[in-house]
PDB file of all heavy atoms in Angstrom:
ATOM      1  N   PRO A   1     -37.496  13.126 -22.115  1.00  0.00           N
ATOM      2  CA  PRO A   1     -37.202  13.928 -20.934  1.00  0.00           C
ATOM      3  C   PRO A   1     -38.421  14.059 -20.040  1.00  0.00           C
ATOM      4  O   PRO A   1     -39.497  13.556 -20.346  1.00  0.00           O
ATOM      5  CB  PRO A   1     -36.828  15.287 -21.530  1.00  0.00           C
ATOM      6  CG  PRO A   1     -37.651  15.353 -22.783  1.00  0.00           C
ATOM      7  CD  PRO A   1     -37.712  13.950 -23.312  1.00  0.00           C
ATOM      8  N   SER A   2     -38.237  14.762 -18.935  1.00  0.00           N
ATOM      9  CA  SER A   2     -39.348  14.974 -18.017  1.00  0.00           C
ATOM     10  C   SER A   2     -40.381  15.912 -18.647  1.00  0.00           C
ATOM     11  O   SER A   2     -40.096  16.635 -19.601  1.00  0.00           O
ATOM     12  CB  SER A   2     -38.835  15.581 -16.711  1.00  0.00           C
ATOM     13  OG  SER A   2     -38.165  16.802 -16.978  1.00  0.00           O
ATOM     14  N   GLN A   3     -41.580  15.915 -18.096  1.00  0.00           N
ATOM     15  CA  GLN A   3     -42.692  16.653 -18.674  1.00  0.00           C
ATOM     16  C   GLN A   3     -42.439  18.160 -18.725  1.00  0.00           C
ATOM     17  O   GLN A   3     -42.987  18.848 -19.568  1.00  0.00           O
ATOM     18  CB  GLN A   3     -43.963  16.375 -17.875  1.00  0.00           C
ATOM     19  CG  GLN A   3     -44.523  14.974 -18.096  1.00  0.00           C
ATOM     20  CD  GLN A   3     -44.939  14.747 -19.540  1.00  0.00           C
ATOM     21  OE1 GLN A   3     -45.557  15.604 -20.153  1.00  0.00           O
ATOM     22  NE2 GLN A   3     -44.584  13.601 -20.096  1.00  0.00           N
ATOM     23  N   ASP A   4     -41.605  18.674 -17.818  1.00  0.00           N
ATOM     24  CA  ASP A   4     -41.409  20.122 -17.790  1.00  0.00           C
ATOM     25  C   ASP A   4     -40.522  20.607 -18.939  1.00  0.00           C
ATOM     26  O   ASP A   4     -40.416  21.803 -19.171  1.00  0.00           O
ATOM     27  CB  ASP A   4     -40.831  20.582 -16.447  1.00  0.00           C
ATOM     28  CG  ASP A   4     -39.484  19.943 -16.150  1.00  0.00           C
ATOM     29  OD1 ASP A   4     -39.169  18.915 -16.768  1.00  0.00           O
ATOM     30  OD2 ASP A   4     -38.770  20.475 -15.280  1.00  0.00           O
ATOM     31  N   MET A   5     -39.877  19.686 -19.669  1.00  0.00           N
ATOM     32  CA  MET A   5     -39.090  20.084 -20.833  1.00  0.00           C
ATOM     33  C   MET A   5     -40.006  20.037 -22.051  1.00  0.00           C
ATOM     34  O   MET A   5     -39.995  19.111 -22.846  1.00  0.00           O
ATOM     35  CB  MET A   5     -37.885  19.168 -21.007  1.00  0.00           C
ATOM     36  CG  MET A   5     -36.922  19.219 -19.830  1.00  0.00           C
ATOM     37  SD  MET A   5     -35.515  18.100 -20.017  1.00  0.00           S
ATOM     38  CE  MET A   5     -34.611  18.881 -21.331  1.00  0.00           C
ATOM     39  N   ARG A   6     -40.846  21.042 -22.174  1.00  0.00           N
ATOM     40  CA  ARG A   6     -41.899  21.050 -23.174  1.00  0.00           C
ATOM     41  C   ARG A   6     -41.319  21.120 -24.584  1.00  0.00           C
ATOM     42  O   ARG A   6     -40.319  21.781 -24.839  1.00  0.00           O
ATOM     43  CB  ARG A   6     -42.822  22.239 -22.927  1.00  0.00           C
ATOM     44  CG  ARG A   6     -43.549  22.146 -21.586  1.00  0.00           C
ATOM     45  CD  ARG A   6     -44.301  23.422 -21.278  1.00  0.00           C
ATOM     46  NE  ARG A   6     -45.315  23.693 -22.291  1.00  0.00           N
ATOM     47  CZ  ARG A   6     -46.026  24.808 -22.327  1.00  0.00           C
ATOM     48  NH1 ARG A   6     -45.830  25.751 -21.435  1.00  0.00           N
ATOM     49  NH2 ARG A   6     -46.930  24.992 -23.258  1.00  0.00           N
ATOM     50  N   ASP A   7     -41.986  20.413 -25.504  1.00  0.00           N
ATOM     51  CA  ASP A   7     -41.637  20.411 -26.921  1.00  0.00           C
ATOM     52  C   ASP A   7     -40.249  19.849 -27.195  1.00  0.00           C
ATOM     53  O   ASP A   7     -39.678  20.065 -28.264  1.00  0.00           O
ATOM     54  CB  ASP A   7     -41.725  21.832 -27.514  1.00  0.00           C
ATOM     55  CG  ASP A   7     -43.097  22.441 -27.335  1.00  0.00           C
ATOM     56  OD1 ASP A   7     -44.085  21.696 -27.424  1.00  0.00           O
ATOM     57  OD2 ASP A   7     -43.171  23.661 -27.102  1.00  0.00           O
ATOM     58  N   PHE A   8     -39.666  19.134 -26.234  1.00  0.00           N
ATOM     59  CA  PHE A   8     -38.316  18.606 -26.409  1.00  0.00           C
ATOM     60  C   PHE A   8     -38.241  17.649 -27.587  1.00  0.00           C
ATOM     61  O   PHE A   8     -37.274  17.649 -28.341  1.00  0.00           O
ATOM     62  CB  PHE A   8     -37.867  17.896 -25.127  1.00  0.00           C
ATOM     63  CG  PHE A   8     -36.394  17.587 -25.082  1.00  0.00           C
ATOM     64  CD1 PHE A   8     -35.497  18.467 -24.514  1.00  0.00           C
ATOM     65  CD2 PHE A   8     -35.906  16.404 -25.619  1.00  0.00           C
ATOM     66  CE1 PHE A   8     -34.146  18.180 -24.485  1.00  0.00           C
ATOM     67  CE2 PHE A   8     -34.562  16.106 -25.599  1.00  0.00           C
ATOM     68  CZ  PHE A   8     -33.676  17.003 -25.014  1.00  0.00           C
ATOM     69  N   GLY A   9     -39.286  16.846 -27.751  1.00  0.00           N
ATOM     70  CA  GLY A   9     -39.294  15.863 -28.831  1.00  0.00           C
ATOM     71  C   GLY A   9     -39.190  16.506 -30.199  1.00  0.00           C
ATOM     72  O   GLY A   9     -38.620  15.938 -31.125  1.00  0.00           O
ATOM     73  N   VAL A  10     -39.758  17.701 -30.349  1.00  0.00           N
ATOM     74  CA  VAL A  10     -39.669  18.426 -31.613  1.00  0.00           C
ATOM     75  C   VAL A  10     -38.286  19.033 -31.771  1.00  0.00           C
ATOM     76  O   VAL A  10     -37.652  18.937 -32.820  1.00  0.00           O
ATOM     77  CB  VAL A  10     -40.753  19.522 -31.686  1.00  0.00           C
ATOM     78  CG1 VAL A  10     -40.564  20.383 -32.924  1.00  0.00           C
ATOM     79  CG2 VAL A  10     -42.133  18.882 -31.676  1.00  0.00           C
ATOM     80  N   ARG A  11     -37.764  19.653 -30.700  1.00  0.00           N
ATOM     81  CA  ARG A  11     -36.486  20.348 -30.781  1.00  0.00           C
ATOM     82  C   ARG A  11     -35.313  19.411 -31.014  1.00  0.00           C
ATOM     83  O   ARG A  11     -34.326  19.791 -31.640  1.00  0.00           O
ATOM     84  CB  ARG A  11     -36.240  21.154 -29.502  1.00  0.00           C
ATOM     85  CG  ARG A  11     -37.266  22.231 -29.220  1.00  0.00           C
ATOM     86  CD  ARG A  11     -36.727  23.295 -28.267  1.00  0.00           C
ATOM     87  NE  ARG A  11     -36.102  22.744 -27.081  1.00  0.00           N
ATOM     88  CZ  ARG A  11     -36.756  22.408 -25.976  1.00  0.00           C
ATOM     89  NH1 ARG A  11     -38.084  22.526 -25.942  1.00  0.00           N
ATOM     90  NH2 ARG A  11     -36.114  21.948 -24.928  1.00  0.00           N
ATOM     91  N   VAL A  12     -35.412  18.194 -30.515  1.00  0.00           N
ATOM     92  CA  VAL A  12     -34.272  17.288 -30.649  1.00  0.00           C
ATOM     93  C   VAL A  12     -34.093  16.835 -32.097  1.00  0.00           C
ATOM     94  O   VAL A  12     -32.990  16.462 -32.495  1.00  0.00           O
ATOM     95  CB  VAL A  12     -34.437  16.071 -29.706  1.00  0.00           C
ATOM     96  CG1 VAL A  12     -35.443  15.069 -30.253  1.00  0.00           C
ATOM     97  CG2 VAL A  12     -33.095  15.396 -29.438  1.00  0.00           C
ATOM     98  N   LYS A  13     -35.134  16.903 -32.900  1.00  0.00           N
ATOM     99  CA  LYS A  13     -35.035  16.480 -34.297  1.00  0.00           C
ATOM    100  C   LYS A  13     -34.546  17.597 -35.210  1.00  0.00           C
ATOM    101  O   LYS A  13     -33.782  17.358 -36.141  1.00  0.00           O
ATOM    102  CB  LYS A  13     -36.390  15.976 -34.782  1.00  0.00           C
ATOM    103  CG  LYS A  13     -36.844  14.690 -34.089  1.00  0.00           C
ATOM    104  CD  LYS A  13     -38.207  14.253 -34.591  1.00  0.00           C
ATOM    105  CE  LYS A  13     -38.669  13.003 -33.868  1.00  0.00           C
ATOM    106  NZ  LYS A  13     -40.019  12.574 -34.299  1.00  0.00           N
ATOM    107  N   LEU A  14     -35.019  18.828 -34.977  1.00  0.00           N
ATOM    108  CA  LEU A  14     -34.652  19.957 -35.825  1.00  0.00           C
ATOM    109  C   LEU A  14     -34.210  21.131 -34.960  1.00  0.00           C
ATOM    110  O   LEU A  14     -34.854  21.438 -33.956  1.00  0.00           O
ATOM    111  CB  LEU A  14     -35.837  20.401 -36.683  1.00  0.00           C
ATOM    112  CG  LEU A  14     -36.286  19.511 -37.838  1.00  0.00           C
ATOM    113  CD1 LEU A  14     -37.461  20.161 -38.559  1.00  0.00           C
ATOM    114  CD2 LEU A  14     -35.162  19.257 -38.815  1.00  0.00           C
ATOM    115  N   ASN A  15     -33.127  21.781 -35.392  1.00  0.00           N
ATOM    116  CA  ASN A  15     -32.639  22.943 -34.652  1.00  0.00           C
ATOM    117  C   ASN A  15     -32.274  24.047 -35.635  1.00  0.00           C
ATOM    118  O   ASN A  15     -31.575  23.803 -36.622  1.00  0.00           O
ATOM    119  CB  ASN A  15     -31.408  22.560 -33.819  1.00  0.00           C
ATOM    120  CG  ASN A  15     -31.061  23.637 -32.809  1.00  0.00           C
ATOM    121  OD1 ASN A  15     -31.919  24.100 -32.065  1.00  0.00           O
ATOM    122  ND2 ASN A  15     -29.803  24.046 -32.785  1.00  0.00           N
ATOM    123  N   PRO A  16     -32.745  25.274 -35.412  1.00  0.00           N
ATOM    124  CA  PRO A  16     -32.453  26.359 -36.353  1.00  0.00           C
ATOM    125  C   PRO A  16     -31.028  26.885 -36.231  1.00  0.00           C
ATOM    126  O   PRO A  16     -30.404  26.819 -35.168  1.00  0.00           O
ATOM    127  CB  PRO A  16     -33.468  27.437 -35.949  1.00  0.00           C
ATOM    128  CG  PRO A  16     -33.765  27.162 -34.516  1.00  0.00           C
ATOM    129  CD  PRO A  16     -33.657  25.687 -34.334  1.00  0.00           C
ATOM    130  N   VAL A  17     -30.526  27.383 -37.363  1.00  0.00           N
ATOM    131  CA  VAL A  17     -29.244  28.111 -37.361  1.00  0.00           C
ATOM    132  C   VAL A  17     -29.579  29.548 -36.958  1.00  0.00           C
ATOM    133  O   VAL A  17     -30.072  30.341 -37.761  1.00  0.00           O
ATOM    134  CB  VAL A  17     -28.578  28.060 -38.743  1.00  0.00           C
ATOM    135  CG1 VAL A  17     -27.231  28.788 -38.704  1.00  0.00           C
ATOM    136  CG2 VAL A  17     -28.398  26.612 -39.200  1.00  0.00           C
ATOM    137  N   LYS A  18     -29.341  29.881 -35.710  1.00  0.00           N
ATOM    138  CA  LYS A  18     -29.871  31.116 -35.121  1.00  0.00           C
ATOM    139  C   LYS A  18     -29.445  32.370 -35.862  1.00  0.00           C
ATOM    140  O   LYS A  18     -30.230  33.308 -36.030  1.00  0.00           O
ATOM    141  CB  LYS A  18     -29.455  31.189 -33.656  1.00  0.00           C
ATOM    142  CG  LYS A  18     -30.020  30.054 -32.813  1.00  0.00           C
ATOM    143  CD  LYS A  18     -29.528  30.126 -31.369  1.00  0.00           C
ATOM    144  CE  LYS A  18     -30.061  28.938 -30.558  1.00  0.00           C
ATOM    145  NZ  LYS A  18     -29.574  28.969 -29.167  1.00  0.00           N
ATOM    146  N   SER A  19     -28.196  32.426 -36.337  1.00  0.00           N
ATOM    147  CA  SER A  19     -27.688  33.641 -36.973  1.00  0.00           C
ATOM    148  C   SER A  19     -28.394  33.970 -38.283  1.00  0.00           C
ATOM    149  O   SER A  19     -28.326  35.110 -38.758  1.00  0.00           O
ATOM    150  CB  SER A  19     -26.185  33.500 -37.228  1.00  0.00           C
ATOM    151  OG  SER A  19     -25.933  32.400 -38.088  1.00  0.00           O
ATOM    152  N   MET A  20     -29.071  32.993 -38.857  1.00  0.00           N
ATOM    153  CA  MET A  20     -29.733  33.212 -40.146  1.00  0.00           C
ATOM    154  C   MET A  20     -31.168  33.721 -39.998  1.00  0.00           C
ATOM    155  O   MET A  20     -31.784  34.117 -40.990  1.00  0.00           O
ATOM    156  CB  MET A  20     -29.748  31.903 -40.952  1.00  0.00           C
ATOM    157  CG  MET A  20     -28.382  31.382 -41.298  1.00  0.00           C
ATOM    158  SD  MET A  20     -28.496  29.935 -42.353  1.00  0.00           S
ATOM    159  CE  MET A  20     -29.247  30.634 -43.812  1.00  0.00           C
ATOM    160  N   ILE A  21     -31.719  33.694 -38.803  1.00  0.00           N
ATOM    161  CA  ILE A  21     -33.150  33.937 -38.621  1.00  0.00           C
ATOM    162  C   ILE A  21     -33.479  35.390 -38.296  1.00  0.00           C
ATOM    163  O   ILE A  21     -34.438  35.953 -38.818  1.00  0.00           O
ATOM    164  CB  ILE A  21     -33.696  33.017 -37.507  1.00  0.00           C
ATOM    165  CG1 ILE A  21     -33.340  31.551 -37.778  1.00  0.00           C
ATOM    166  CG2 ILE A  21     -35.200  33.204 -37.347  1.00  0.00           C
ATOM    167  CD1 ILE A  21     -33.853  31.007 -39.075  1.00  0.00           C
ATOM    168  N   ASN A  22     -32.710  36.019 -37.451  1.00  0.00           N
ATOM    169  CA  ASN A  22     -33.051  37.339 -36.911  1.00  0.00           C
ATOM    170  C   ASN A  22     -33.217  38.384 -38.019  1.00  0.00           C
ATOM    171  O   ASN A  22     -32.328  38.596 -38.842  1.00  0.00           O
ATOM    172  CB  ASN A  22     -31.966  37.795 -35.932  1.00  0.00           C
ATOM    173  CG  ASN A  22     -32.378  39.069 -35.199  1.00  0.00           C
ATOM    174  OD1 ASN A  22     -33.539  39.271 -34.879  1.00  0.00           O
ATOM    175  ND2 ASN A  22     -31.398  39.927 -34.944  1.00  0.00           N
ATOM    176  N   GLY A  23     -34.403  39.011 -38.044  1.00  0.00           N
ATOM    177  CA  GLY A  23     -34.689  40.087 -38.975  1.00  0.00           C
ATOM    178  C   GLY A  23     -35.004  39.651 -40.391  1.00  0.00           C
ATOM    179  O   GLY A  23     -35.192  40.492 -41.272  1.00  0.00           O
ATOM    180  N   LYS A  24     -35.112  38.366 -40.632  1.00  0.00           N
ATOM    181  CA  LYS A  24     -35.274  37.861 -41.995  1.00  0.00           C
ATOM    182  C   LYS A  24     -36.753  37.591 -42.340  1.00  0.00           C
ATOM    183  O   LYS A  24     -37.559  37.241 -41.484  1.00  0.00           O
ATOM    184  CB  LYS A  24     -34.487  36.569 -42.171  1.00  0.00           C
ATOM    185  CG  LYS A  24     -32.977  36.756 -42.076  1.00  0.00           C
ATOM    186  CD  LYS A  24     -32.456  37.721 -43.124  1.00  0.00           C
ATOM    187  CE  LYS A  24     -30.954  37.656 -43.305  1.00  0.00           C
ATOM    188  NZ  LYS A  24     -30.161  37.643 -42.114  1.00  0.00           N
ATOM    189  N   ARG A  25     -37.041  37.767 -43.638  1.00  0.00           N
ATOM    190  CA  ARG A  25     -38.340  37.400 -44.206  1.00  0.00           C
ATOM    191  C   ARG A  25     -38.148  36.022 -44.852  1.00  0.00           C
ATOM    192  O   ARG A  25     -37.391  35.896 -45.815  1.00  0.00           O
ATOM    193  CB  ARG A  25     -38.793  38.419 -45.228  1.00  0.00           C
ATOM    194  CG  ARG A  25     -38.933  39.848 -44.675  1.00  0.00           C
ATOM    195  CD  ARG A  25     -39.052  40.845 -45.818  1.00  0.00           C
ATOM    196  NE  ARG A  25     -37.886  40.782 -46.674  1.00  0.00           N
ATOM    197  CZ  ARG A  25     -37.835  41.297 -47.914  1.00  0.00           C
ATOM    198  NH1 ARG A  25     -38.906  41.891 -48.431  1.00  0.00           N
ATOM    199  NH2 ARG A  25     -36.736  41.203 -48.636  1.00  0.00           N
ATOM    200  N   ILE A  26     -38.864  35.037 -44.343  1.00  0.00           N
ATOM    201  CA  ILE A  26     -38.558  33.654 -44.702  1.00  0.00           C
ATOM    202  C   ILE A  26     -39.791  32.965 -45.310  1.00  0.00           C
ATOM    203  O   ILE A  26     -40.908  33.078 -44.781  1.00  0.00           O
ATOM    204  CB  ILE A  26     -38.101  32.859 -43.453  1.00  0.00           C
ATOM    205  CG1 ILE A  26     -36.893  33.546 -42.809  1.00  0.00           C
ATOM    206  CG2 ILE A  26     -37.776  31.413 -43.804  1.00  0.00           C
ATOM    207  CD1 ILE A  26     -36.527  32.974 -41.446  1.00  0.00           C
ATOM    208  N   VAL A  27     -39.554  32.243 -46.399  1.00  0.00           N
ATOM    209  CA  VAL A  27     -40.559  31.340 -46.961  1.00  0.00           C
ATOM    210  C   VAL A  27     -40.217  29.929 -46.500  1.00  0.00           C
ATOM    211  O   VAL A  27     -39.132  29.423 -46.789  1.00  0.00           O
ATOM    212  CB  VAL A  27     -40.587  31.389 -48.500  1.00  0.00           C
ATOM    213  CG1 VAL A  27     -41.630  30.401 -49.031  1.00  0.00           C
ATOM    214  CG2 VAL A  27     -40.875  32.787 -49.001  1.00  0.00           C
ATOM    215  N   ILE A  28     -41.126  29.319 -45.761  1.00  0.00           N
ATOM    216  CA  ILE A  28     -40.963  27.930 -45.327  1.00  0.00           C
ATOM    217  C   ILE A  28     -41.778  27.043 -46.265  1.00  0.00           C
ATOM    218  O   ILE A  28     -42.951  27.322 -46.519  1.00  0.00           O
ATOM    219  CB  ILE A  28     -41.469  27.731 -43.886  1.00  0.00           C
ATOM    220  CG1 ILE A  28     -40.771  28.693 -42.924  1.00  0.00           C
ATOM    221  CG2 ILE A  28     -41.277  26.288 -43.435  1.00  0.00           C
ATOM    222  CD1 ILE A  28     -41.488  28.834 -41.588  1.00  0.00           C
ATOM    223  N   VAL A  29     -41.171  25.985 -46.781  1.00  0.00           N
ATOM    224  CA  VAL A  29     -41.876  25.053 -47.658  1.00  0.00           C
ATOM    225  C   VAL A  29     -42.009  23.713 -46.949  1.00  0.00           C
ATOM    226  O   VAL A  29     -41.024  23.144 -46.483  1.00  0.00           O
ATOM    227  CB  VAL A  29     -41.156  24.880 -49.011  1.00  0.00           C
ATOM    228  CG1 VAL A  29     -41.890  23.856 -49.876  1.00  0.00           C
ATOM    229  CG2 VAL A  29     -41.065  26.214 -49.736  1.00  0.00           C
ATOM    230  N   GLU A  30     -43.247  23.235 -46.862  1.00  0.00           N
ATOM    231  CA  GLU A  30     -43.541  21.915 -46.293  1.00  0.00           C
ATOM    232  C   GLU A  30     -44.293  21.105 -47.332  1.00  0.00           C
ATOM    233  O   GLU A  30     -44.983  21.656 -48.188  1.00  0.00           O
ATOM    234  CB  GLU A  30     -44.414  22.057 -45.040  1.00  0.00           C
ATOM    235  CG  GLU A  30     -43.664  21.848 -43.731  1.00  0.00           C
ATOM    236  CD  GLU A  30     -43.276  20.396 -43.475  1.00  0.00           C
ATOM    237  OE1 GLU A  30     -43.106  19.618 -44.434  1.00  0.00           O
ATOM    238  OE2 GLU A  30     -43.137  20.034 -42.304  1.00  0.00           O
ATOM    239  N   ASP A  31     -44.190  19.766 -47.230  1.00  0.00           N
ATOM    240  CA  ASP A  31     -44.899  18.940 -48.213  1.00  0.00           C
ATOM    241  C   ASP A  31     -46.372  18.768 -47.867  1.00  0.00           C
ATOM    242  O   ASP A  31     -47.198  18.571 -48.759  1.00  0.00           O
ATOM    243  CB  ASP A  31     -44.214  17.578 -48.384  1.00  0.00           C
ATOM    244  CG  ASP A  31     -44.122  16.785 -47.093  1.00  0.00           C
ATOM    245  OD1 ASP A  31     -44.786  17.158 -46.107  1.00  0.00           O
ATOM    246  OD2 ASP A  31     -43.377  15.787 -47.060  1.00  0.00           O
ATOM    247  N   SER A  32     -46.726  18.814 -46.585  1.00  0.00           N
ATOM    248  CA  SER A  32     -48.125  18.611 -46.193  1.00  0.00           C
ATOM    249  C   SER A  32     -48.295  19.054 -44.751  1.00  0.00           C
ATOM    250  O   SER A  32     -47.323  19.138 -43.998  1.00  0.00           O
ATOM    251  CB  SER A  32     -48.537  17.143 -46.341  1.00  0.00           C
ATOM    252  OG  SER A  32     -47.649  16.294 -45.655  1.00  0.00           O
ATOM    253  N   VAL A  33     -49.539  19.330 -44.398  1.00  0.00           N
ATOM    254  CA  VAL A  33     -49.889  19.669 -43.023  1.00  0.00           C
ATOM    255  C   VAL A  33     -51.069  18.788 -42.629  1.00  0.00           C
ATOM    256  O   VAL A  33     -52.121  18.829 -43.283  1.00  0.00           O
ATOM    257  CB  VAL A  33     -50.274  21.157 -42.878  1.00  0.00           C
ATOM    258  CG1 VAL A  33     -50.697  21.449 -41.441  1.00  0.00           C
ATOM    259  CG2 VAL A  33     -49.121  22.056 -43.294  1.00  0.00           C
ATOM    260  N   VAL A  34     -50.896  17.988 -41.590  1.00  0.00           N
ATOM    261  CA  VAL A  34     -51.963  17.098 -41.142  1.00  0.00           C
ATOM    262  C   VAL A  34     -52.659  17.704 -39.927  1.00  0.00           C
ATOM    263  O   VAL A  34     -53.804  18.122 -39.998  1.00  0.00           O
ATOM    264  CB  VAL A  34     -51.419  15.685 -40.837  1.00  0.00           C
ATOM    265  CG1 VAL A  34     -52.551  14.779 -40.352  1.00  0.00           C
ATOM    266  CG2 VAL A  34     -50.772  15.086 -42.080  1.00  0.00           C
ATOM    267  N   ARG A  35     -51.958  17.752 -38.814  1.00  0.00           N
ATOM    268  CA  ARG A  35     -52.562  18.303 -37.590  1.00  0.00           C
ATOM    269  C   ARG A  35     -52.091  19.719 -37.295  1.00  0.00           C
ATOM    270  O   ARG A  35     -52.790  20.483 -36.652  1.00  0.00           O
ATOM    271  CB  ARG A  35     -52.249  17.378 -36.414  1.00  0.00           C
ATOM    272  CG  ARG A  35     -52.852  15.994 -36.581  1.00  0.00           C
ATOM    273  CD  ARG A  35     -52.311  15.016 -35.549  1.00  0.00           C
ATOM    274  NE  ARG A  35     -52.836  13.674 -35.766  1.00  0.00           N
ATOM    275  CZ  ARG A  35     -52.314  12.792 -36.601  1.00  0.00           C
ATOM    276  NH1 ARG A  35     -51.226  13.113 -37.294  1.00  0.00           N
ATOM    277  NH2 ARG A  35     -52.846  11.598 -36.764  1.00  0.00           N
ATOM    278  N   GLY A  36     -50.895  20.060 -37.720  1.00  0.00           N
ATOM    279  CA  GLY A  36     -50.404  21.429 -37.579  1.00  0.00           C
ATOM    280  C   GLY A  36     -49.660  21.723 -36.296  1.00  0.00           C
ATOM    281  O   GLY A  36     -49.049  22.784 -36.169  1.00  0.00           O
TER     282      GLY A  36
END
């Protein structure tokens, strides 16, 4: 997309299930962190 659609490349791959997030305490597990 155009430059003004920031972070689009990240959002197009993964999208959260919004109803599950609000007010929740969440543990996220990742296999590795390179650049962050």
